[in-house]
């Protein structure tokens, strides 16, 4: 039987990221796919929120820098990858 490579699954062990990297033109999955890791600890200060996770045998920290207005309300935060997210309130 001829097999044509249309994608690949490779281990992803880059820095603090662990898992599997999937790539291809068409992916079909069945069964259970676990995609979330919950934090072990959350540290909050006036200007940041830090989430600490256990990944394998390592402790990994994700930090979000907070921007606030004069009333102390959070108006935006900077994600670990450097992108900025605006916080909007309804009402």
PDB file of N, CA and C in Angstrom:
ATOM      1  N   UNK A   1       0.838  -1.169   0.000  1.00  0.00           N
ATOM      2  CA  UNK A   1       0.000   0.000   0.000  1.00  0.00           C
ATOM      3  C   UNK A   1       0.889   1.239   0.000  1.00  0.00           C
ATOM      4  N   UNK A   2       0.643   2.187  -0.910  1.00  0.00           N
ATOM      5  CA  UNK A   2       1.393   3.439  -0.953  1.00  0.00           C
ATOM      6  C   UNK A   2       0.833   4.420   0.056  1.00  0.00           C
ATOM      7  N   UNK A   3       1.714   5.016   0.823  1.00  0.00           N
ATOM      8  CA  UNK A   3       1.299   6.029   1.800  1.00  0.00           C
ATOM      9  C   UNK A   3       1.860   7.369   1.351  1.00  0.00           C
ATOM     10  N   UNK A   4       1.013   8.371   1.406  1.00  0.00           N
ATOM     11  CA  UNK A   4       1.422   9.713   1.027  1.00  0.00           C
ATOM     12  C   UNK A   4       1.463  10.562   2.284  1.00  0.00           C
ATOM     13  N   UNK A   5       2.581  11.216   2.493  1.00  0.00           N
ATOM     14  CA  UNK A   5       2.716  12.075   3.668  1.00  0.00           C
ATOM     15  C   UNK A   5       1.967  13.381   3.405  1.00  0.00           C
ATOM     16  N   UNK A   6       0.938  13.626   4.231  1.00  0.00           N
ATOM     17  CA  UNK A   6       0.187  14.873   4.088  1.00  0.00           C
ATOM     18  C   UNK A   6       0.284  15.727   5.342  1.00  0.00           C
ATOM     19  N   UNK A   7       1.023  15.272   6.314  1.00  0.00           N
ATOM     20  CA  UNK A   7       1.185  16.010   7.555  1.00  0.00           C
ATOM     21  C   UNK A   7       2.081  15.241   8.486  1.00  0.00           C
ATOM     22  N   UNK A   8       2.222  15.756   9.696  1.00  0.00           N
ATOM     23  CA  UNK A   8       3.066  15.057  10.653  1.00  0.00           C
ATOM     24  C   UNK A   8       2.666  15.426  12.069  1.00  0.00           C
ATOM     25  N   UNK A   9       3.042  14.547  12.977  1.00  0.00           N
ATOM     26  CA  UNK A   9       2.887  14.766  14.412  1.00  0.00           C
ATOM     27  C   UNK A   9       4.284  14.601  15.003  1.00  0.00           C
ATOM     28  N   UNK A  10       4.753  15.650  15.657  1.00  0.00           N
ATOM     29  CA  UNK A  10       6.095  15.598  16.230  1.00  0.00           C
ATOM     30  C   UNK A  10       6.042  16.093  17.669  1.00  0.00           C
ATOM     31  N   UNK A  11       6.965  15.612  18.510  1.00  0.00           N
ATOM     32  CA  UNK A  11       7.023  16.123  19.880  1.00  0.00           C
ATOM     33  C   UNK A  11       7.375  17.607  19.870  1.00  0.00           C
ATOM     34  N   UNK A  12       6.748  18.350  20.767  1.00  0.00           N
ATOM     35  CA  UNK A  12       7.015  19.776  20.903  1.00  0.00           C
ATOM     36  C   UNK A  12       7.609  20.003  22.287  1.00  0.00           C
ATOM     37  N   UNK A  13       8.890  20.195  22.347  1.00  0.00           N
ATOM     38  CA  UNK A  13       9.600  20.420  23.604  1.00  0.00           C
ATOM     39  C   UNK A  13      10.499  21.632  23.421  1.00  0.00           C
ATOM     40  N   UNK A  14       9.880  22.786  23.328  1.00  0.00           N
ATOM     41  CA  UNK A  14      10.613  24.013  23.083  1.00  0.00           C
ATOM     42  C   UNK A  14      10.487  24.927  24.291  1.00  0.00           C
ATOM     43  N   UNK A  15      11.569  25.140  25.001  1.00  0.00           N
ATOM     44  CA  UNK A  15      11.527  26.012  26.171  1.00  0.00           C
ATOM     45  C   UNK A  15      10.576  25.463  27.205  1.00  0.00           C
ATOM     46  N   UNK A  16       9.532  26.220  27.524  1.00  0.00           N
ATOM     47  CA  UNK A  16       8.576  25.791  28.544  1.00  0.00           C
ATOM     48  C   UNK A  16       7.309  25.195  27.941  1.00  0.00           C
ATOM     49  N   UNK A  17       7.303  24.917  26.637  1.00  0.00           N
ATOM     50  CA  UNK A  17       6.138  24.334  25.970  1.00  0.00           C
ATOM     51  C   UNK A  17       6.396  22.852  25.735  1.00  0.00           C
ATOM     52  N   UNK A  18       5.463  22.015  26.196  1.00  0.00           N
ATOM     53  CA  UNK A  18       5.599  20.573  26.023  1.00  0.00           C
ATOM     54  C   UNK A  18       4.316  20.033  25.394  1.00  0.00           C
ATOM     55  N   UNK A  19       4.439  19.046  24.564  1.00  0.00           N
ATOM     56  CA  UNK A  19       3.253  18.438  23.975  1.00  0.00           C
ATOM     57  C   UNK A  19       3.549  17.874  22.603  1.00  0.00           C
ATOM     58  N   UNK A  20       2.561  17.903  21.745  1.00  0.00           N
ATOM     59  CA  UNK A  20       2.688  17.405  20.386  1.00  0.00           C
ATOM     60  C   UNK A  20       2.267  18.510  19.425  1.00  0.00           C
ATOM     61  N   UNK A  21       2.995  18.635  18.348  1.00  0.00           N
ATOM     62  CA  UNK A  21       2.653  19.603  17.312  1.00  0.00           C
ATOM     63  C   UNK A  21       2.090  18.845  16.114  1.00  0.00           C
ATOM     64  N   UNK A  22       0.895  19.230  15.685  1.00  0.00           N
ATOM     65  CA  UNK A  22       0.241  18.581  14.555  1.00  0.00           C
ATOM     66  C   UNK A  22       0.217  19.548  13.384  1.00  0.00           C
ATOM     67  N   UNK A  23       0.548  19.065  12.203  1.00  0.00           N
ATOM     68  CA  UNK A  23       0.466  19.903  11.021  1.00  0.00           C
ATOM     69  C   UNK A  23       0.014  19.052   9.844  1.00  0.00           C
ATOM     70  N   UNK A  24      -0.659  19.675   8.930  1.00  0.00           N
ATOM     71  CA  UNK A  24      -1.118  18.961   7.744  1.00  0.00           C
ATOM     72  C   UNK A  24      -2.217  19.717   7.043  1.00  0.00           C
ATOM     73  N   UNK A  25      -2.573  19.245   5.859  1.00  0.00           N
ATOM     74  CA  UNK A  25      -3.634  19.870   5.088  1.00  0.00           C
ATOM     75  C   UNK A  25      -5.011  19.461   5.583  1.00  0.00           C
ATOM     76  N   UNK A  26      -5.097  18.289   6.197  1.00  0.00           N
ATOM     77  CA  UNK A  26      -6.371  17.778   6.688  1.00  0.00           C
ATOM     78  C   UNK A  26      -6.110  16.965   7.934  1.00  0.00           C
ATOM     79  N   UNK A  27      -6.767  17.301   9.023  1.00  0.00           N
ATOM     80  CA  UNK A  27      -6.595  16.555  10.271  1.00  0.00           C
ATOM     81  C   UNK A  27      -7.945  16.043  10.727  1.00  0.00           C
ATOM     82  N   UNK A  28      -7.997  14.774  11.090  1.00  0.00           N
ATOM     83  CA  UNK A  28      -9.202  14.179  11.636  1.00  0.00           C
ATOM     84  C   UNK A  28      -8.819  13.530  12.948  1.00  0.00           C
ATOM     85  N   UNK A  29      -9.571  13.836  13.994  1.00  0.00           N
ATOM     86  CA  UNK A  29      -9.257  13.277  15.304  1.00  0.00           C
ATOM     87  C   UNK A  29     -10.507  12.649  15.882  1.00  0.00           C
ATOM     88  N   UNK A  30     -10.306  11.607  16.650  1.00  0.00           N
ATOM     89  CA  UNK A  30     -11.419  11.009  17.364  1.00  0.00           C
ATOM     90  C   UNK A  30     -10.917  10.597  18.741  1.00  0.00           C
ATOM     91  N   UNK A  31     -11.832  10.441  19.658  1.00  0.00           N
ATOM     92  CA  UNK A  31     -11.435  10.079  21.011  1.00  0.00           C
ATOM     93  C   UNK A  31     -11.256  11.316  21.868  1.00  0.00           C
ATOM     94  N   UNK A  32     -10.558  11.165  22.958  1.00  0.00           N
ATOM     95  CA  UNK A  32     -10.354  12.232  23.924  1.00  0.00           C
ATOM     96  C   UNK A  32      -9.110  13.034  23.584  1.00  0.00           C
ATOM     97  N   UNK A  33      -9.263  14.344  23.464  1.00  0.00           N
ATOM     98  CA  UNK A  33      -8.137  15.244  23.257  1.00  0.00           C
ATOM     99  C   UNK A  33      -8.120  16.215  24.436  1.00  0.00           C
ATOM    100  N   UNK A  34      -7.084  16.139  25.257  1.00  0.00           N
ATOM    101  CA  UNK A  34      -6.963  17.018  26.408  1.00  0.00           C
ATOM    102  C   UNK A  34      -6.111  18.210  25.993  1.00  0.00           C
ATOM    103  N   UNK A  35      -6.655  19.410  26.137  1.00  0.00           N
ATOM    104  CA  UNK A  35      -5.941  20.588  25.662  1.00  0.00           C
ATOM    105  C   UNK A  35      -5.684  21.625  26.749  1.00  0.00           C
ATOM    106  N   UNK A  36      -6.064  21.363  27.979  1.00  0.00           N
ATOM    107  CA  UNK A  36      -5.928  22.379  29.016  1.00  0.00           C
ATOM    108  C   UNK A  36      -5.086  21.883  30.180  1.00  0.00           C
ATOM    109  N   UNK A  37      -4.304  22.787  30.712  1.00  0.00           N
ATOM    110  CA  UNK A  37      -3.573  22.549  31.947  1.00  0.00           C
ATOM    111  C   UNK A  37      -3.997  23.666  32.889  1.00  0.00           C
ATOM    112  N   UNK A  38      -4.438  23.316  34.065  1.00  0.00           N
ATOM    113  CA  UNK A  38      -4.919  24.312  35.015  1.00  0.00           C
ATOM    114  C   UNK A  38      -3.783  24.772  35.922  1.00  0.00           C
ATOM    115  N   UNK A  39      -3.818  26.040  36.333  1.00  0.00           N
ATOM    116  CA  UNK A  39      -2.721  26.541  37.172  1.00  0.00           C
ATOM    117  C   UNK A  39      -2.741  25.922  38.567  1.00  0.00           C
ATOM    118  N   UNK A  40      -1.534  25.768  39.126  1.00  0.00           N
ATOM    119  CA  UNK A  40      -1.383  25.312  40.507  1.00  0.00           C
ATOM    120  C   UNK A  40      -1.489  26.480  41.478  1.00  0.00           C
ATOM    121  N   UNK A  41      -1.085  27.676  40.998  1.00  0.00           N
ATOM    122  CA  UNK A  41      -1.061  28.842  41.859  1.00  0.00           C
ATOM    123  C   UNK A  41      -1.283  30.091  41.013  1.00  0.00           C
ATOM    124  N   UNK A  42      -1.971  31.077  41.594  1.00  0.00           N
ATOM    125  CA  UNK A  42      -2.161  32.376  40.955  1.00  0.00           C
ATOM    126  C   UNK A  42      -1.695  33.443  41.934  1.00  0.00           C
ATOM    127  N   UNK A  43      -0.749  34.275  41.493  1.00  0.00           N
ATOM    128  CA  UNK A  43      -0.251  35.385  42.304  1.00  0.00           C
ATOM    129  C   UNK A  43      -0.740  36.691  41.689  1.00  0.00           C
ATOM    130  N   UNK A  44      -1.330  37.555  42.506  1.00  0.00           N
ATOM    131  CA  UNK A  44      -1.893  38.816  42.028  1.00  0.00           C
ATOM    132  C   UNK A  44      -1.229  39.973  42.760  1.00  0.00           C
ATOM    133  N   UNK A  45      -0.801  40.987  41.991  1.00  0.00           N
ATOM    134  CA  UNK A  45      -0.284  42.221  42.574  1.00  0.00           C
ATOM    135  C   UNK A  45      -1.020  43.385  41.912  1.00  0.00           C
ATOM    136  N   UNK A  46      -0.632  44.607  42.246  1.00  0.00           N
ATOM    137  CA  UNK A  46      -1.294  45.776  41.658  1.00  0.00           C
ATOM    138  C   UNK A  46      -1.069  45.889  40.154  1.00  0.00           C
ATOM    139  N   UNK A  47       0.036  45.345  39.654  1.00  0.00           N
ATOM    140  CA  UNK A  47       0.343  45.525  38.236  1.00  0.00           C
ATOM    141  C   UNK A  47       0.526  44.229  37.446  1.00  0.00           C
ATOM    142  N   UNK A  48       0.235  43.063  38.042  1.00  0.00           N
ATOM    143  CA  UNK A  48       0.361  41.819  37.269  1.00  0.00           C
ATOM    144  C   UNK A  48      -0.421  40.678  37.909  1.00  0.00           C
ATOM    145  N   UNK A  49      -0.710  39.685  37.065  1.00  0.00           N
ATOM    146  CA  UNK A  49      -1.274  38.410  37.504  1.00  0.00           C
ATOM    147  C   UNK A  49      -0.342  37.333  36.955  1.00  0.00           C
ATOM    148  N   UNK A  50       0.148  36.451  37.828  1.00  0.00           N
ATOM    149  CA  UNK A  50       1.054  35.379  37.430  1.00  0.00           C
ATOM    150  C   UNK A  50       0.381  34.039  37.682  1.00  0.00           C
ATOM    151  N   UNK A  51       0.345  33.189  36.665  1.00  0.00           N
ATOM    152  CA  UNK A  51      -0.205  31.841  36.757  1.00  0.00           C
ATOM    153  C   UNK A  51       0.964  30.865  36.732  1.00  0.00           C
ATOM    154  N   UNK A  52       1.043  29.964  37.706  1.00  0.00           N
ATOM    155  CA  UNK A  52       2.099  28.956  37.757  1.00  0.00           C
ATOM    156  C   UNK A  52       1.486  27.591  37.482  1.00  0.00           C
ATOM    157  N   UNK A  53       2.077  26.880  36.518  1.00  0.00           N
ATOM    158  CA  UNK A  53       1.602  25.571  36.090  1.00  0.00           C
ATOM    159  C   UNK A  53       2.688  24.530  36.326  1.00  0.00           C
ATOM    160  N   UNK A  54       2.299  23.277  36.509  1.00  0.00           N
ATOM    161  CA  UNK A  54       3.244  22.168  36.509  1.00  0.00           C
ATOM    162  C   UNK A  54       3.129  21.474  35.157  1.00  0.00           C
ATOM    163  N   UNK A  55       4.238  21.433  34.424  1.00  0.00           N
ATOM    164  CA  UNK A  55       4.297  20.767  33.124  1.00  0.00           C
ATOM    165  C   UNK A  55       5.422  19.750  33.223  1.00  0.00           C
ATOM    166  N   UNK A  56       5.058  18.469  33.255  1.00  0.00           N
ATOM    167  CA  UNK A  56       6.056  17.438  33.492  1.00  0.00           C
ATOM    168  C   UNK A  56       6.609  17.615  34.901  1.00  0.00           C
ATOM    169  N   UNK A  57       7.900  17.777  35.013  1.00  0.00           N
ATOM    170  CA  UNK A  57       8.542  18.005  36.304  1.00  0.00           C
ATOM    171  C   UNK A  57       8.894  19.473  36.519  1.00  0.00           C
ATOM    172  N   UNK A  58       8.455  20.346  35.623  1.00  0.00           N
ATOM    173  CA  UNK A  58       8.848  21.755  35.676  1.00  0.00           C
ATOM    174  C   UNK A  58       7.706  22.653  36.118  1.00  0.00           C
ATOM    175  N   UNK A  59       8.056  23.731  36.815  1.00  0.00           N
ATOM    176  CA  UNK A  59       7.107  24.785  37.145  1.00  0.00           C
ATOM    177  C   UNK A  59       7.235  25.864  36.067  1.00  0.00           C
ATOM    178  N   UNK A  60       6.123  26.203  35.430  1.00  0.00           N
ATOM    179  CA  UNK A  60       6.103  27.196  34.367  1.00  0.00           C
ATOM    180  C   UNK A  60       5.236  28.365  34.821  1.00  0.00           C
ATOM    181  N   UNK A  61       5.720  29.604  34.645  1.00  0.00           N
ATOM    182  CA  UNK A  61       4.954  30.775  35.051  1.00  0.00           C
ATOM    183  C   UNK A  61       4.581  31.602  33.820  1.00  0.00           C
ATOM    184  N   UNK A  62       3.324  32.003  33.741  1.00  0.00           N
ATOM    185  CA  UNK A  62       2.816  32.897  32.704  1.00  0.00           C
ATOM    186  C   UNK A  62       2.385  34.188  33.378  1.00  0.00           C
ATOM    187  N   UNK A  63       2.982  35.304  32.959  1.00  0.00           N
ATOM    188  CA  UNK A  63       2.700  36.593  33.585  1.00  0.00           C
ATOM    189  C   UNK A  63       1.919  37.498  32.644  1.00  0.00           C
ATOM    190  N   UNK A  64       0.946  38.188  33.201  1.00  0.00           N
ATOM    191  CA  UNK A  64       0.121  39.150  32.479  1.00  0.00           C
ATOM    192  C   UNK A  64       0.262  40.505  33.175  1.00  0.00           C
ATOM    193  N   UNK A  65       0.840  41.492  32.484  1.00  0.00           N
ATOM    194  CA  UNK A  65       0.987  42.837  33.049  1.00  0.00           C
ATOM    195  C   UNK A  65      -0.343  43.571  32.917  1.00  0.00           C
ATOM    196  N   UNK A  66      -0.739  44.269  33.977  1.00  0.00           N
ATOM    197  CA  UNK A  66      -2.028  44.948  34.010  1.00  0.00           C
ATOM    198  C   UNK A  66      -1.866  46.452  33.808  1.00  0.00           C
ATOM    199  N   UNK A  67      -2.811  47.044  33.063  1.00  0.00           N
ATOM    200  CA  UNK A  67      -2.921  48.495  32.941  1.00  0.00           C
ATOM    201  C   UNK A  67      -4.214  48.892  33.646  1.00  0.00           C
ATOM    202  N   UNK A  68      -4.151  49.940  34.456  1.00  0.00           N
ATOM    203  CA  UNK A  68      -5.338  50.393  35.186  1.00  0.00           C
ATOM    204  C   UNK A  68      -5.591  51.869  34.922  1.00  0.00           C
ATOM    205  N   UNK A  69      -6.823  52.297  35.188  1.00  0.00           N
ATOM    206  CA  UNK A  69      -7.168  53.710  35.081  1.00  0.00           C
ATOM    207  C   UNK A  69      -7.022  54.370  36.451  1.00  0.00           C
ATOM    208  N   UNK A  70      -7.403  55.618  36.561  1.00  0.00           N
ATOM    209  CA  UNK A  70      -7.276  56.349  37.815  1.00  0.00           C
ATOM    210  C   UNK A  70      -8.100  55.785  38.955  1.00  0.00           C
ATOM    211  N   UNK A  71      -9.148  55.026  38.641  1.00  0.00           N
ATOM    212  CA  UNK A  71      -9.987  54.407  39.672  1.00  0.00           C
ATOM    213  C   UNK A  71      -9.489  53.022  40.076  1.00  0.00           C
ATOM    214  N   UNK A  72      -8.380  52.569  39.488  1.00  0.00           N
ATOM    215  CA  UNK A  72      -7.840  51.249  39.812  1.00  0.00           C
ATOM    216  C   UNK A  72      -8.475  50.115  39.031  1.00  0.00           C
ATOM    217  N   UNK A  73      -9.361  50.439  38.083  1.00  0.00           N
ATOM    218  CA  UNK A  73      -9.986  49.388  37.266  1.00  0.00           C
ATOM    219  C   UNK A  73      -9.009  48.932  36.179  1.00  0.00           C
ATOM    220  N   UNK A  74      -8.989  47.639  35.920  1.00  0.00           N
ATOM    221  CA  UNK A  74      -8.130  47.096  34.868  1.00  0.00           C
ATOM    222  C   UNK A  74      -8.700  47.505  33.519  1.00  0.00           C
ATOM    223  N   UNK A  75      -7.877  48.164  32.692  1.00  0.00           N
ATOM    224  CA  UNK A  75      -8.307  48.625  31.368  1.00  0.00           C
ATOM    225  C   UNK A  75      -7.698  47.798  30.241  1.00  0.00           C
ATOM    226  N   UNK A  76      -6.562  47.125  30.503  1.00  0.00           N
ATOM    227  CA  UNK A  76      -5.907  46.289  29.498  1.00  0.00           C
ATOM    228  C   UNK A  76      -4.877  45.411  30.202  1.00  0.00           C
ATOM    229  N   UNK A  77      -4.436  44.384  29.494  1.00  0.00           N
ATOM    230  CA  UNK A  77      -3.340  43.563  30.000  1.00  0.00           C
ATOM    231  C   UNK A  77      -2.461  43.127  28.841  1.00  0.00           C
ATOM    232  N   UNK A  78      -1.204  42.867  29.162  1.00  0.00           N
ATOM    233  CA  UNK A  78      -0.259  42.384  28.169  1.00  0.00           C
ATOM    234  C   UNK A  78      -0.066  40.892  28.388  1.00  0.00           C
ATOM    235  N   UNK A  79      -0.282  40.109  27.332  1.00  0.00           N
ATOM    236  CA  UNK A  79      -0.165  38.652  27.375  1.00  0.00           C
ATOM    237  C   UNK A  79       1.304  38.239  27.420  1.00  0.00           C
ATOM    238  N   UNK A  80       1.582  36.988  27.813  1.00  0.00           N
ATOM    239  CA  UNK A  80       2.971  36.512  27.868  1.00  0.00           C
ATOM    240  C   UNK A  80       3.716  36.629  26.527  1.00  0.00           C
ATOM    241  N   UNK A  81       2.989  36.581  25.403  1.00  0.00           N
ATOM    242  CA  UNK A  81       3.645  36.691  24.096  1.00  0.00           C
ATOM    243  C   UNK A  81       3.851  38.140  23.652  1.00  0.00           C
ATOM    244  N   UNK A  82       3.461  39.106  24.505  1.00  0.00           N
ATOM    245  CA  UNK A  82       3.669  40.518  24.194  1.00  0.00           C
ATOM    246  C   UNK A  82       2.476  41.221  23.576  1.00  0.00           C
ATOM    247  N   UNK A  83       1.446  40.484  23.199  1.00  0.00           N
ATOM    248  CA  UNK A  83       0.264  41.132  22.636  1.00  0.00           C
ATOM    249  C   UNK A  83      -0.548  41.790  23.746  1.00  0.00           C
ATOM    250  N   UNK A  84      -1.298  42.811  23.384  1.00  0.00           N
ATOM    251  CA  UNK A  84      -2.085  43.574  24.355  1.00  0.00           C
ATOM    252  C   UNK A  84      -3.563  43.310  24.130  1.00  0.00           C
ATOM    253  N   UNK A  85      -4.314  43.129  25.233  1.00  0.00           N
ATOM    254  CA  UNK A  85      -5.749  42.889  25.173  1.00  0.00           C
ATOM    255  C   UNK A  85      -6.465  43.973  25.960  1.00  0.00           C
ATOM    256  N   UNK A  86      -7.407  44.633  25.319  1.00  0.00           N
ATOM    257  CA  UNK A  86      -8.203  45.676  25.978  1.00  0.00           C
ATOM    258  C   UNK A  86      -9.318  45.039  26.791  1.00  0.00           C
ATOM    259  N   UNK A  87      -9.593  45.581  27.965  1.00  0.00           N
ATOM    260  CA  UNK A  87     -10.680  45.113  28.816  1.00  0.00           C
ATOM    261  C   UNK A  87     -11.834  46.088  28.667  1.00  0.00           C
ATOM    262  N   UNK A  88     -12.991  45.585  28.287  1.00  0.00           N
ATOM    263  CA  UNK A  88     -14.182  46.425  28.115  1.00  0.00           C
ATOM    264  C   UNK A  88     -15.247  45.985  29.103  1.00  0.00           C
ATOM    265  N   UNK A  89     -15.943  46.963  29.628  1.00  0.00           N
ATOM    266  CA  UNK A  89     -17.033  46.690  30.569  1.00  0.00           C
ATOM    267  C   UNK A  89     -18.350  47.072  29.924  1.00  0.00           C
ATOM    268  N   UNK A  90     -19.341  46.231  30.114  1.00  0.00           N
ATOM    269  CA  UNK A  90     -20.688  46.537  29.624  1.00  0.00           C
ATOM    270  C   UNK A  90     -21.501  47.100  30.772  1.00  0.00           C
ATOM    271  N   UNK A  91     -22.162  48.209  30.508  1.00  0.00           N
ATOM    272  CA  UNK A  91     -23.060  48.781  31.511  1.00  0.00           C
ATOM    273  C   UNK A  91     -22.500  49.831  32.357  1.00  0.00           C
TER     274      UNK A  91
END
